[in-house]
PDB file of N, CA and C in Angstrom:
ATOM      1  N   UNK A   1     -46.200  10.455   2.683  1.00  0.00           N
ATOM      2  CA  UNK A   1     -44.608  11.060   2.697  1.00  0.00           C
ATOM      3  C   UNK A   1     -43.971  10.041   2.177  1.00  0.00           C
ATOM      4  N   UNK A   2     -42.857  10.429   1.218  1.00  0.00           N
ATOM      5  CA  UNK A   2     -42.071   9.683   0.557  1.00  0.00           C
ATOM      6  C   UNK A   2     -41.124   8.822   1.399  1.00  0.00           C
ATOM      7  N   UNK A   3     -40.536   7.738   1.398  1.00  0.00           N
ATOM      8  CA  UNK A   3     -39.778   6.960   2.258  1.00  0.00           C
ATOM      9  C   UNK A   3     -38.266   7.146   1.651  1.00  0.00           C
ATOM     10  N   UNK A   4     -37.262   7.314   2.105  1.00  0.00           N
ATOM     11  CA  UNK A   4     -36.024   7.646   1.561  1.00  0.00           C
ATOM     12  C   UNK A   4     -35.178   6.141   1.810  1.00  0.00           C
ATOM     13  N   UNK A   5     -35.519   5.400   0.746  1.00  0.00           N
ATOM     14  CA  UNK A   5     -34.519   4.201   1.160  1.00  0.00           C
ATOM     15  C   UNK A   5     -33.131   4.247   1.123  1.00  0.00           C
ATOM     16  N   UNK A   6     -32.781   4.986   0.327  1.00  0.00           N
ATOM     17  CA  UNK A   6     -31.322   5.221   0.288  1.00  0.00           C
ATOM     18  C   UNK A   6     -30.801   5.681   1.606  1.00  0.00           C
ATOM     19  N   UNK A   7     -31.249   6.251   2.076  1.00  0.00           N
ATOM     20  CA  UNK A   7     -30.406   7.030   3.466  1.00  0.00           C
ATOM     21  C   UNK A   7     -30.655   6.121   4.457  1.00  0.00           C
ATOM     22  N   UNK A   8     -31.712   5.486   4.381  1.00  0.00           N
ATOM     23  CA  UNK A   8     -32.215   4.291   5.319  1.00  0.00           C
ATOM     24  C   UNK A   8     -31.363   3.015   5.213  1.00  0.00           C
ATOM     25  N   UNK A   9     -30.605   2.548   4.287  1.00  0.00           N
ATOM     26  CA  UNK A   9     -29.974   1.795   3.842  1.00  0.00           C
ATOM     27  C   UNK A   9     -28.974   1.359   5.158  1.00  0.00           C
ATOM     28  N   UNK A  10     -28.901   0.252   5.576  1.00  0.00           N
ATOM     29  CA  UNK A  10     -28.030   0.026   6.393  1.00  0.00           C
ATOM     30  C   UNK A  10     -26.597   0.092   6.110  1.00  0.00           C
ATOM     31  N   UNK A  11     -26.140  -0.334   4.897  1.00  0.00           N
ATOM     32  CA  UNK A  11     -24.882  -0.151   4.452  1.00  0.00           C
ATOM     33  C   UNK A  11     -24.571   1.105   4.206  1.00  0.00           C
ATOM     34  N   UNK A  12     -25.585   2.269   3.742  1.00  0.00           N
ATOM     35  CA  UNK A  12     -24.969   3.386   3.447  1.00  0.00           C
ATOM     36  C   UNK A  12     -24.938   4.063   4.986  1.00  0.00           C
ATOM     37  N   UNK A  13     -25.506   3.835   5.732  1.00  0.00           N
ATOM     38  CA  UNK A  13     -25.343   4.310   6.890  1.00  0.00           C
ATOM     39  C   UNK A  13     -24.264   4.079   7.769  1.00  0.00           C
ATOM     40  N   UNK A  14     -23.601   2.759   7.487  1.00  0.00           N
ATOM     41  CA  UNK A  14     -22.569   2.323   8.155  1.00  0.00           C
ATOM     42  C   UNK A  14     -21.340   2.986   7.387  1.00  0.00           C
ATOM     43  N   UNK A  15     -21.380   3.170   6.063  1.00  0.00           N
ATOM     44  CA  UNK A  15     -20.546   3.654   5.417  1.00  0.00           C
ATOM     45  C   UNK A  15     -20.191   5.311   5.709  1.00  0.00           C
ATOM     46  N   UNK A  16     -21.473   5.919   5.835  1.00  0.00           N
ATOM     47  CA  UNK A  16     -21.437   7.603   6.257  1.00  0.00           C
ATOM     48  C   UNK A  16     -20.705   7.463   7.743  1.00  0.00           C
ATOM     49  N   UNK A  17     -20.997   6.624   8.507  1.00  0.00           N
ATOM     50  CA  UNK A  17     -20.411   6.434  10.007  1.00  0.00           C
ATOM     51  C   UNK A  17     -18.965   6.418  10.060  1.00  0.00           C
ATOM     52  N   UNK A  18     -18.664   5.134   9.328  1.00  0.00           N
ATOM     53  CA  UNK A  18     -16.740   5.070   9.384  1.00  0.00           C
ATOM     54  C   UNK A  18     -16.246   6.095   8.707  1.00  0.00           C
ATOM     55  N   UNK A  19     -16.776   6.578   7.423  1.00  0.00           N
ATOM     56  CA  UNK A  19     -15.984   7.629   6.983  1.00  0.00           C
ATOM     57  C   UNK A  19     -15.699   9.047   7.759  1.00  0.00           C
ATOM     58  N   UNK A  20     -17.107   9.074   8.391  1.00  0.00           N
ATOM     59  CA  UNK A  20     -17.175  10.391   8.968  1.00  0.00           C
ATOM     60  C   UNK A  20     -15.875  10.426  10.242  1.00  0.00           C
ATOM     61  N   UNK A  21     -15.630   8.995  11.032  1.00  0.00           N
ATOM     62  CA  UNK A  21     -14.947   8.819  12.066  1.00  0.00           C
ATOM     63  C   UNK A  21     -13.341   8.901  11.740  1.00  0.00           C
ATOM     64  N   UNK A  22     -13.151   8.290  10.354  1.00  0.00           N
ATOM     65  CA  UNK A  22     -12.048   8.454   9.764  1.00  0.00           C
ATOM     66  C   UNK A  22     -11.153   9.814   9.222  1.00  0.00           C
ATOM     67  N   UNK A  23     -12.784  10.647   8.690  1.00  0.00           N
ATOM     68  CA  UNK A  23     -11.952  11.849   8.122  1.00  0.00           C
ATOM     69  C   UNK A  23     -11.846  13.103   9.442  1.00  0.00           C
ATOM     70  N   UNK A  24     -12.545  12.675  10.449  1.00  0.00           N
ATOM     71  CA  UNK A  24     -12.440  13.204  11.901  1.00  0.00           C
ATOM     72  C   UNK A  24     -10.901  13.269  12.188  1.00  0.00           C
ATOM     73  N   UNK A  25     -10.142  12.136  11.988  1.00  0.00           N
ATOM     74  CA  UNK A  25      -8.861  11.666  12.319  1.00  0.00           C
ATOM     75  C   UNK A  25      -7.879  12.555  12.036  1.00  0.00           C
ATOM     76  N   UNK A  26      -8.418  13.361  10.543  1.00  0.00           N
ATOM     77  CA  UNK A  26      -7.287  14.288   9.894  1.00  0.00           C
ATOM     78  C   UNK A  26      -6.186  13.508   9.470  1.00  0.00           C
ATOM     79  N   UNK A  27      -6.239  12.265   9.800  1.00  0.00           N
ATOM     80  CA  UNK A  27      -5.124  11.545   8.860  1.00  0.00           C
ATOM     81  C   UNK A  27      -5.211  11.312   7.225  1.00  0.00           C
ATOM     82  N   UNK A  28      -4.356  10.609   6.420  1.00  0.00           N
ATOM     83  CA  UNK A  28      -4.547  10.319   5.355  1.00  0.00           C
ATOM     84  C   UNK A  28      -5.488   8.941   5.312  1.00  0.00           C
ATOM     85  N   UNK A  29      -6.218   8.558   4.425  1.00  0.00           N
ATOM     86  CA  UNK A  29      -6.880   7.436   4.627  1.00  0.00           C
ATOM     87  C   UNK A  29      -6.748   6.186   3.451  1.00  0.00           C
ATOM     88  N   UNK A  30      -6.839   5.161   3.853  1.00  0.00           N
ATOM     89  CA  UNK A  30      -6.773   3.826   2.907  1.00  0.00           C
ATOM     90  C   UNK A  30      -8.214   3.472   2.804  1.00  0.00           C
ATOM     91  N   UNK A  31      -8.723   3.862   1.445  1.00  0.00           N
ATOM     92  CA  UNK A  31     -10.278   3.403   1.151  1.00  0.00           C
ATOM     93  C   UNK A  31     -10.076   2.257   0.258  1.00  0.00           C
ATOM     94  N   UNK A  32     -10.968   1.315   0.620  1.00  0.00           N
ATOM     95  CA  UNK A  32     -11.385  -0.068   0.049  1.00  0.00           C
ATOM     96  C   UNK A  32     -12.402   0.051  -0.731  1.00  0.00           C
ATOM     97  N   UNK A  33     -12.330  -0.772  -1.768  1.00  0.00           N
ATOM     98  CA  UNK A  33     -13.559  -1.078  -2.557  1.00  0.00           C
ATOM     99  C   UNK A  33     -13.299  -2.666  -3.161  1.00  0.00           C
ATOM    100  N   UNK A  34     -14.813  -3.154  -2.877  1.00  0.00           N
ATOM    101  CA  UNK A  34     -14.559  -4.488  -3.139  1.00  0.00           C
ATOM    102  C   UNK A  34     -15.540  -4.885  -4.020  1.00  0.00           C
ATOM    103  N   UNK A  35     -15.187  -5.572  -5.046  1.00  0.00           N
ATOM    104  CA  UNK A  35     -16.284  -5.989  -5.954  1.00  0.00           C
ATOM    105  C   UNK A  35     -16.484  -7.551  -5.885  1.00  0.00           C
ATOM    106  N   UNK A  36     -17.144  -8.474  -6.858  1.00  0.00           N
ATOM    107  CA  UNK A  36     -17.366  -9.625  -6.466  1.00  0.00           C
ATOM    108  C   UNK A  36     -16.106 -10.401  -7.280  1.00  0.00           C
ATOM    109  N   UNK A  37     -15.389  -9.720  -7.857  1.00  0.00           N
ATOM    110  CA  UNK A  37     -14.169 -10.465  -8.628  1.00  0.00           C
ATOM    111  C   UNK A  37     -12.921  -9.770  -8.260  1.00  0.00           C
ATOM    112  N   UNK A  38     -12.856  -8.655  -7.762  1.00  0.00           N
ATOM    113  CA  UNK A  38     -11.732  -7.824  -7.773  1.00  0.00           C
ATOM    114  C   UNK A  38     -11.747  -7.003  -6.468  1.00  0.00           C
ATOM    115  N   UNK A  39     -10.383  -6.549  -5.894  1.00  0.00           N
ATOM    116  CA  UNK A  39     -10.264  -5.537  -4.709  1.00  0.00           C
ATOM    117  C   UNK A  39      -9.659  -4.558  -5.358  1.00  0.00           C
ATOM    118  N   UNK A  40      -9.826  -3.251  -4.626  1.00  0.00           N
ATOM    119  CA  UNK A  40      -9.096  -1.996  -4.949  1.00  0.00           C
ATOM    120  C   UNK A  40      -8.587  -1.368  -3.600  1.00  0.00           C
ATOM    121  N   UNK A  41      -7.541  -0.652  -3.556  1.00  0.00           N
ATOM    122  CA  UNK A  41      -7.429   0.024  -2.323  1.00  0.00           C
ATOM    123  C   UNK A  41      -6.589   1.399  -2.637  1.00  0.00           C
ATOM    124  N   UNK A  42      -6.859   2.482  -2.181  1.00  0.00           N
ATOM    125  CA  UNK A  42      -6.107   3.608  -2.773  1.00  0.00           C
ATOM    126  C   UNK A  42      -5.912   4.667  -1.611  1.00  0.00           C
ATOM    127  N   UNK A  43      -4.752   5.409  -1.634  1.00  0.00           N
ATOM    128  CA  UNK A  43      -4.717   6.147  -0.122  1.00  0.00           C
ATOM    129  C   UNK A  43      -4.993   7.470  -0.471  1.00  0.00           C
ATOM    130  N   UNK A  44      -5.600   8.415   0.289  1.00  0.00           N
ATOM    131  CA  UNK A  44      -6.014   9.550  -0.202  1.00  0.00           C
ATOM    132  C   UNK A  44      -5.949  10.538   0.746  1.00  0.00           C
ATOM    133  N   UNK A  45      -5.825  11.822   0.104  1.00  0.00           N
ATOM    134  CA  UNK A  45      -5.488  13.155   0.854  1.00  0.00           C
ATOM    135  C   UNK A  45      -6.617  13.681   0.745  1.00  0.00           C
ATOM    136  N   UNK A  46      -7.821  13.775   1.659  1.00  0.00           N
ATOM    137  CA  UNK A  46      -9.252  14.657   1.855  1.00  0.00           C
ATOM    138  C   UNK A  46      -8.864  15.861   1.803  1.00  0.00           C
ATOM    139  N   UNK A  47      -7.799  16.621   2.418  1.00  0.00           N
ATOM    140  CA  UNK A  47      -7.334  18.198   2.340  1.00  0.00           C
ATOM    141  C   UNK A  47      -7.347  18.469   0.694  1.00  0.00           C
ATOM    142  N   UNK A  48      -6.238  17.660   0.085  1.00  0.00           N
ATOM    143  CA  UNK A  48      -6.146  17.653  -1.046  1.00  0.00           C
ATOM    144  C   UNK A  48      -6.963  17.436  -2.334  1.00  0.00           C
ATOM    145  N   UNK A  49      -7.863  16.345  -1.642  1.00  0.00           N
ATOM    146  CA  UNK A  49      -8.764  15.816  -2.556  1.00  0.00           C
ATOM    147  C   UNK A  49      -7.771  15.000  -3.666  1.00  0.00           C
ATOM    148  N   UNK A  50      -6.831  14.329  -3.386  1.00  0.00           N
ATOM    149  CA  UNK A  50      -5.793  13.708  -4.292  1.00  0.00           C
ATOM    150  C   UNK A  50      -5.862  12.104  -3.750  1.00  0.00           C
ATOM    151  N   UNK A  51      -5.655  11.239  -4.759  1.00  0.00           N
ATOM    152  CA  UNK A  51      -5.097  10.024  -4.623  1.00  0.00           C
ATOM    153  C   UNK A  51      -3.877  10.205  -4.573  1.00  0.00           C
ATOM    154  N   UNK A  52      -3.118   9.598  -3.670  1.00  0.00           N
ATOM    155  CA  UNK A  52      -1.502   9.597  -3.740  1.00  0.00           C
ATOM    156  C   UNK A  52      -1.139   8.040  -4.111  1.00  0.00           C
ATOM    157  N   UNK A  53      -1.842   7.108  -3.419  1.00  0.00           N
ATOM    158  CA  UNK A  53      -1.044   5.879  -4.084  1.00  0.00           C
ATOM    159  C   UNK A  53      -2.379   4.767  -4.248  1.00  0.00           C
ATOM    160  N   UNK A  54      -2.311   3.895  -5.400  1.00  0.00           N
ATOM    161  CA  UNK A  54      -3.355   3.025  -5.597  1.00  0.00           C
ATOM    162  C   UNK A  54      -2.891   1.505  -5.981  1.00  0.00           C
ATOM    163  N   UNK A  55      -3.606   0.661  -5.778  1.00  0.00           N
ATOM    164  CA  UNK A  55      -3.672  -0.686  -5.879  1.00  0.00           C
ATOM    165  C   UNK A  55      -4.703  -1.440  -6.284  1.00  0.00           C
ATOM    166  N   UNK A  56      -4.456  -2.732  -6.988  1.00  0.00           N
ATOM    167  CA  UNK A  56      -5.879  -3.461  -7.168  1.00  0.00           C
ATOM    168  C   UNK A  56      -5.288  -4.845  -7.630  1.00  0.00           C
ATOM    169  N   UNK A  57      -6.182  -5.687  -7.852  1.00  0.00           N
ATOM    170  CA  UNK A  57      -5.872  -6.708  -8.082  1.00  0.00           C
ATOM    171  C   UNK A  57      -5.935  -7.051  -9.606  1.00  0.00           C
ATOM    172  N   UNK A  58      -6.453  -5.921 -10.499  1.00  0.00           N
ATOM    173  CA  UNK A  58      -5.960  -6.089 -11.612  1.00  0.00           C
ATOM    174  C   UNK A  58      -4.867  -5.418 -12.136  1.00  0.00           C
ATOM    175  N   UNK A  59      -3.766  -5.270 -11.110  1.00  0.00           N
ATOM    176  CA  UNK A  59      -2.504  -4.951 -11.853  1.00  0.00           C
ATOM    177  C   UNK A  59      -1.725  -6.159 -12.132  1.00  0.00           C
ATOM    178  N   UNK A  60      -0.874  -5.705 -13.098  1.00  0.00           N
ATOM    179  CA  UNK A  60      -0.086  -6.979 -13.928  1.00  0.00           C
ATOM    180  C   UNK A  60       0.699  -7.647 -13.070  1.00  0.00           C
ATOM    181  N   UNK A  61       1.234  -6.902 -11.863  1.00  0.00           N
ATOM    182  CA  UNK A  61       1.973  -8.082 -11.082  1.00  0.00           C
ATOM    183  C   UNK A  61       1.635  -9.060 -10.238  1.00  0.00           C
ATOM    184  N   UNK A  62       0.091  -8.856  -9.854  1.00  0.00           N
ATOM    185  CA  UNK A  62      -0.726  -9.849  -9.084  1.00  0.00           C
ATOM    186  C   UNK A  62      -1.415 -10.760  -9.945  1.00  0.00           C
ATOM    187  N   UNK A  63      -1.017 -12.005  -9.898  1.00  0.00           N
ATOM    188  CA  UNK A  63      -1.561 -13.068 -10.683  1.00  0.00           C
ATOM    189  C   UNK A  63      -2.809 -13.733  -9.845  1.00  0.00           C
ATOM    190  N   UNK A  64      -3.071 -13.373  -8.711  1.00  0.00           N
ATOM    191  CA  UNK A  64      -4.025 -14.126  -7.926  1.00  0.00           C
ATOM    192  C   UNK A  64      -5.478 -14.062  -7.780  1.00  0.00           C
ATOM    193  N   UNK A  65      -5.553 -12.696  -8.650  1.00  0.00           N
ATOM    194  CA  UNK A  65      -7.387 -12.497  -8.860  1.00  0.00           C
ATOM    195  C   UNK A  65      -7.510 -11.481  -7.624  1.00  0.00           C
ATOM    196  N   UNK A  66      -8.988 -11.689  -7.290  1.00  0.00           N
ATOM    197  CA  UNK A  66      -9.713 -10.918  -6.444  1.00  0.00           C
ATOM    198  C   UNK A  66      -9.883 -11.705  -5.160  1.00  0.00           C
ATOM    199  N   UNK A  67      -9.482 -12.833  -4.812  1.00  0.00           N
ATOM    200  CA  UNK A  67      -9.690 -13.550  -3.926  1.00  0.00           C
ATOM    201  C   UNK A  67      -8.993 -13.152  -2.624  1.00  0.00           C
ATOM    202  N   UNK A  68      -8.927 -14.339  -1.524  1.00  0.00           N
ATOM    203  CA  UNK A  68      -8.193 -13.732  -0.263  1.00  0.00           C
ATOM    204  C   UNK A  68      -6.750 -13.631  -0.642  1.00  0.00           C
ATOM    205  N   UNK A  69      -6.142 -14.430  -1.447  1.00  0.00           N
ATOM    206  CA  UNK A  69      -4.784 -14.295  -1.517  1.00  0.00           C
ATOM    207  C   UNK A  69      -4.354 -12.843  -2.807  1.00  0.00           C
ATOM    208  N   UNK A  70      -5.494 -12.764  -3.360  1.00  0.00           N
ATOM    209  CA  UNK A  70      -5.139 -11.653  -4.288  1.00  0.00           C
ATOM    210  C   UNK A  70      -5.478 -10.182  -3.341  1.00  0.00           C
ATOM    211  N   UNK A  71      -6.230 -10.267  -2.810  1.00  0.00           N
ATOM    212  CA  UNK A  71      -6.340  -8.882  -1.294  1.00  0.00           C
ATOM    213  C   UNK A  71      -4.987  -9.091  -0.540  1.00  0.00           C
ATOM    214  N   UNK A  72      -4.504 -10.095  -0.418  1.00  0.00           N
ATOM    215  CA  UNK A  72      -3.200  -9.988   0.646  1.00  0.00           C
ATOM    216  C   UNK A  72      -2.013  -9.141  -0.401  1.00  0.00           C
ATOM    217  N   UNK A  73      -2.323  -9.552  -1.653  1.00  0.00           N
ATOM    218  CA  UNK A  73      -1.185  -9.088  -2.483  1.00  0.00           C
ATOM    219  C   UNK A  73      -1.404  -7.746  -2.731  1.00  0.00           C
ATOM    220  N   UNK A  74      -2.485  -7.192  -2.986  1.00  0.00           N
ATOM    221  CA  UNK A  74      -3.022  -5.854  -3.058  1.00  0.00           C
ATOM    222  C   UNK A  74      -2.610  -5.093  -1.773  1.00  0.00           C
ATOM    223  N   UNK A  75      -2.757  -5.642  -0.559  1.00  0.00           N
ATOM    224  CA  UNK A  75      -2.296  -4.812   0.449  1.00  0.00           C
ATOM    225  C   UNK A  75      -0.635  -5.151   0.608  1.00  0.00           C
ATOM    226  N   UNK A  76       0.087  -5.713  -0.058  1.00  0.00           N
ATOM    227  CA  UNK A  76       1.255  -5.645   0.392  1.00  0.00           C
ATOM    228  C   UNK A  76       2.101  -4.770  -0.827  1.00  0.00           C
ATOM    229  N   UNK A  77       1.271  -4.749  -1.906  1.00  0.00           N
ATOM    230  CA  UNK A  77       1.770  -4.019  -3.304  1.00  0.00           C
ATOM    231  C   UNK A  77       1.345  -2.328  -3.063  1.00  0.00           C
ATOM    232  N   UNK A  78       0.397  -2.040  -2.090  1.00  0.00           N
ATOM    233  CA  UNK A  78      -0.012  -0.904  -1.638  1.00  0.00           C
ATOM    234  C   UNK A  78       0.826  -0.219  -0.569  1.00  0.00           C
ATOM    235  N   UNK A  79       1.533  -1.265   0.548  1.00  0.00           N
ATOM    236  CA  UNK A  79       2.175  -0.981   1.433  1.00  0.00           C
ATOM    237  C   UNK A  79       3.675  -0.472   0.753  1.00  0.00           C
ATOM    238  N   UNK A  80       3.994  -1.025  -0.429  1.00  0.00           N
ATOM    239  CA  UNK A  80       5.350  -1.190  -0.916  1.00  0.00           C
ATOM    240  C   UNK A  80       5.067   0.576  -1.501  1.00  0.00           C
ATOM    241  N   UNK A  81       4.304   0.833  -2.421  1.00  0.00           N
ATOM    242  CA  UNK A  81       4.337   2.049  -3.024  1.00  0.00           C
ATOM    243  C   UNK A  81       3.736   3.009  -1.961  1.00  0.00           C
ATOM    244  N   UNK A  82       3.442   2.940  -0.790  1.00  0.00           N
ATOM    245  CA  UNK A  82       3.397   3.831   0.251  1.00  0.00           C
ATOM    246  C   UNK A  82       4.649   4.274   0.883  1.00  0.00           C
ATOM    247  N   UNK A  83       5.630   3.096   1.239  1.00  0.00           N
ATOM    248  CA  UNK A  83       6.765   3.377   1.756  1.00  0.00           C
ATOM    249  C   UNK A  83       7.480   3.981   1.185  1.00  0.00           C
ATOM    250  N   UNK A  84       7.349   3.858  -0.522  1.00  0.00           N
ATOM    251  CA  UNK A  84       8.248   4.330  -1.369  1.00  0.00           C
ATOM    252  C   UNK A  84       8.088   6.025  -1.309  1.00  0.00           C
ATOM    253  N   UNK A  85       6.831   6.332  -1.073  1.00  0.00           N
ATOM    254  CA  UNK A  85       6.381   7.875  -0.945  1.00  0.00           C
ATOM    255  C   UNK A  85       6.442   8.334   0.540  1.00  0.00           C
ATOM    256  N   UNK A  86       6.841   7.497   1.598  1.00  0.00           N
ATOM    257  CA  UNK A  86       7.293   7.587   2.980  1.00  0.00           C
ATOM    258  C   UNK A  86       5.516   8.175   3.287  1.00  0.00           C
ATOM    259  N   UNK A  87       4.753   7.148   3.324  1.00  0.00           N
ATOM    260  CA  UNK A  87       3.522   7.402   3.797  1.00  0.00           C
ATOM    261  C   UNK A  87       3.142   6.753   4.864  1.00  0.00           C
ATOM    262  N   UNK A  88       3.263   6.788   6.259  1.00  0.00           N
ATOM    263  CA  UNK A  88       3.107   5.903   7.185  1.00  0.00           C
ATOM    264  C   UNK A  88       1.929   5.839   7.849  1.00  0.00           C
ATOM    265  N   UNK A  89       1.484   6.895   8.465  1.00  0.00           N
ATOM    266  CA  UNK A  89       0.517   7.296   9.382  1.00  0.00           C
ATOM    267  C   UNK A  89      -0.846   7.253   8.877  1.00  0.00           C
ATOM    268  N   UNK A  90      -1.557   6.286   8.913  1.00  0.00           N
ATOM    269  CA  UNK A  90      -2.772   6.482   7.867  1.00  0.00           C
ATOM    270  C   UNK A  90      -4.144   5.831   9.027  1.00  0.00           C
ATOM    271  N   UNK A  91      -5.201   6.328   7.986  1.00  0.00           N
ATOM    272  CA  UNK A  91      -6.559   5.370   8.800  1.00  0.00           C
ATOM    273  C   UNK A  91      -7.178   4.487   7.803  1.00  0.00           C
ATOM    274  N   UNK A  92      -7.682   3.676   8.329  1.00  0.00           N
ATOM    275  CA  UNK A  92      -8.259   2.425   7.558  1.00  0.00           C
ATOM    276  C   UNK A  92      -9.703   2.825   7.336  1.00  0.00           C
ATOM    277  N   UNK A  93     -10.226   3.036   5.822  1.00  0.00           N
ATOM    278  CA  UNK A  93     -11.571   3.073   5.461  1.00  0.00           C
ATOM    279  C   UNK A  93     -12.085   2.086   5.122  1.00  0.00           C
ATOM    280  N   UNK A  94     -12.667   1.424   5.657  1.00  0.00           N
ATOM    281  CA  UNK A  94     -13.439   0.034   5.235  1.00  0.00           C
ATOM    282  C   UNK A  94     -14.677   0.188   4.380  1.00  0.00           C
ATOM    283  N   UNK A  95     -15.213   1.385   4.662  1.00  0.00           N
ATOM    284  CA  UNK A  95     -16.270   1.799   3.899  1.00  0.00           C
ATOM    285  C   UNK A  95     -17.504   1.133   4.628  1.00  0.00           C
ATOM    286  N   UNK A  96     -18.421   0.406   3.645  1.00  0.00           N
ATOM    287  CA  UNK A  96     -19.609  -0.396   4.282  1.00  0.00           C
ATOM    288  C   UNK A  96     -19.320  -2.083   4.700  1.00  0.00           C
ATOM    289  N   UNK A  97     -17.898  -2.324   4.491  1.00  0.00           N
ATOM    290  CA  UNK A  97     -17.736  -3.318   4.224  1.00  0.00           C
ATOM    291  C   UNK A  97     -17.531  -4.240   5.591  1.00  0.00           C
ATOM    292  N   UNK A  98     -17.535  -5.190   6.470  1.00  0.00           N
ATOM    293  CA  UNK A  98     -17.470  -5.828   7.334  1.00  0.00           C
ATOM    294  C   UNK A  98     -15.873  -5.977   7.494  1.00  0.00           C
ATOM    295  N   UNK A  99     -15.055  -5.888   8.542  1.00  0.00           N
ATOM    296  CA  UNK A  99     -13.661  -6.396   8.806  1.00  0.00           C
ATOM    297  C   UNK A  99     -13.597  -7.624   8.723  1.00  0.00           C
ATOM    298  N   UNK A 100     -13.538  -8.278   7.349  1.00  0.00           N
ATOM    299  CA  UNK A 100     -13.786  -9.619   7.755  1.00  0.00           C
ATOM    300  C   UNK A 100     -13.564 -10.153   6.221  1.00  0.00           C
ATOM    301  N   UNK A 101     -12.773 -11.462   5.915  1.00  0.00           N
ATOM    302  CA  UNK A 101     -12.281 -12.125   4.662  1.00  0.00           C
ATOM    303  C   UNK A 101     -11.264 -11.206   3.970  1.00  0.00           C
ATOM    304  N   UNK A 102     -11.558 -10.820   2.723  1.00  0.00           N
ATOM    305  CA  UNK A 102     -10.860 -10.310   2.015  1.00  0.00           C
ATOM    306  C   UNK A 102     -10.120  -8.728   2.541  1.00  0.00           C
ATOM    307  N   UNK A 103     -11.284  -8.097   2.923  1.00  0.00           N
ATOM    308  CA  UNK A 103     -11.092  -6.548   3.578  1.00  0.00           C
ATOM    309  C   UNK A 103      -9.885  -7.016   4.660  1.00  0.00           C
ATOM    310  N   UNK A 104     -10.026  -7.835   5.710  1.00  0.00           N
ATOM    311  CA  UNK A 104      -9.003  -8.062   6.904  1.00  0.00           C
ATOM    312  C   UNK A 104      -7.934  -8.512   6.195  1.00  0.00           C
ATOM    313  N   UNK A 105      -8.086  -9.211   4.984  1.00  0.00           N
ATOM    314  CA  UNK A 105      -6.599  -9.746   4.592  1.00  0.00           C
ATOM    315  C   UNK A 105      -5.665  -8.809   3.877  1.00  0.00           C
ATOM    316  N   UNK A 106      -6.188  -7.749   3.305  1.00  0.00           N
ATOM    317  CA  UNK A 106      -5.660  -6.608   2.697  1.00  0.00           C
ATOM    318  C   UNK A 106      -5.071  -5.983   3.815  1.00  0.00           C
ATOM    319  N   UNK A 107      -5.542  -5.658   4.923  1.00  0.00           N
ATOM    320  CA  UNK A 107      -5.432  -4.883   6.071  1.00  0.00           C
ATOM    321  C   UNK A 107      -4.201  -5.534   6.802  1.00  0.00           C
ATOM    322  N   UNK A 108      -4.375  -6.813   6.975  1.00  0.00           N
ATOM    323  CA  UNK A 108      -3.049  -7.212   7.828  1.00  0.00           C
ATOM    324  C   UNK A 108      -1.813  -7.437   6.653  1.00  0.00           C
ATOM    325  N   UNK A 109      -2.072  -7.721   5.617  1.00  0.00           N
ATOM    326  CA  UNK A 109      -0.920  -7.600   4.655  1.00  0.00           C
ATOM    327  C   UNK A 109      -0.225  -6.442   4.671  1.00  0.00           C
ATOM    328  N   UNK A 110      -1.251  -5.360   4.871  1.00  0.00           N
ATOM    329  CA  UNK A 110      -0.441  -3.961   4.543  1.00  0.00           C
ATOM    330  C   UNK A 110       0.357  -3.482   5.867  1.00  0.00           C
ATOM    331  N   UNK A 111      -0.552  -4.169   6.956  1.00  0.00           N
ATOM    332  CA  UNK A 111       0.365  -3.950   8.619  1.00  0.00           C
ATOM    333  C   UNK A 111       1.783  -4.632   8.196  1.00  0.00           C
ATOM    334  N   UNK A 112       1.665  -5.985   8.020  1.00  0.00           N
ATOM    335  CA  UNK A 112       2.751  -6.612   7.982  1.00  0.00           C
ATOM    336  C   UNK A 112       3.770  -6.054   7.138  1.00  0.00           C
ATOM    337  N   UNK A 113       3.416  -5.098   5.893  1.00  0.00           N
ATOM    338  CA  UNK A 113       4.652  -4.817   4.675  1.00  0.00           C
ATOM    339  C   UNK A 113       4.786  -3.165   5.593  1.00  0.00           C
ATOM    340  N   UNK A 114       4.466  -2.870   6.760  1.00  0.00           N
ATOM    341  CA  UNK A 114       4.964  -1.646   7.134  1.00  0.00           C
ATOM    342  C   UNK A 114       4.185  -0.578   7.331  1.00  0.00           C
ATOM    343  N   UNK A 115       2.843  -0.775   6.875  1.00  0.00           N
ATOM    344  CA  UNK A 115       1.702   0.378   7.070  1.00  0.00           C
ATOM    345  C   UNK A 115       1.523   0.392   8.843  1.00  0.00           C
ATOM    346  N   UNK A 116       1.036   1.970   9.288  1.00  0.00           N
ATOM    347  CA  UNK A 116       0.514   1.672  10.653  1.00  0.00           C
ATOM    348  C   UNK A 116      -0.658   2.596  10.647  1.00  0.00           C
ATOM    349  N   UNK A 117      -1.769   1.594  11.109  1.00  0.00           N
ATOM    350  CA  UNK A 117      -3.097   2.186  10.926  1.00  0.00           C
ATOM    351  C   UNK A 117      -3.968   1.416  11.928  1.00  0.00           C
TER     352      UNK A 117
END
C-alpha cells in the first residue's frame, strides 16, 4: 500500500484545518505567506474568488525587508489599504504557520491600524 506522505504532513493537515475554519466563517480572509526572506499578505473574497487588497515586504514603501519590522510594516500597509476600501470584519488565515514571530507581528500591526479579526 502506498503511503500518502503529502496528506500526512503535519503542516498540510494544520493548513487545511485552519483554512476550513476560516472559510466556514463566511468572512473575507487575510491570507499570509511567509518565505525565508519576505512576507506577503492579501485579503481574499472566497465567494468571488478574488484578491481585494495585497501587501508585501517587497513593496517600494517598505524598507525593512522581511524581518519582524518588515512584517509590522506589511500589516500596517495592508490595514491602510483595507480601510481605504472599507473592509473591516475579516478572518485571519495563518495557514500552516504558527501564530508567532513575523506572523504575530503582522497581525498585531494590522489590528493596531484598524482591522478587526
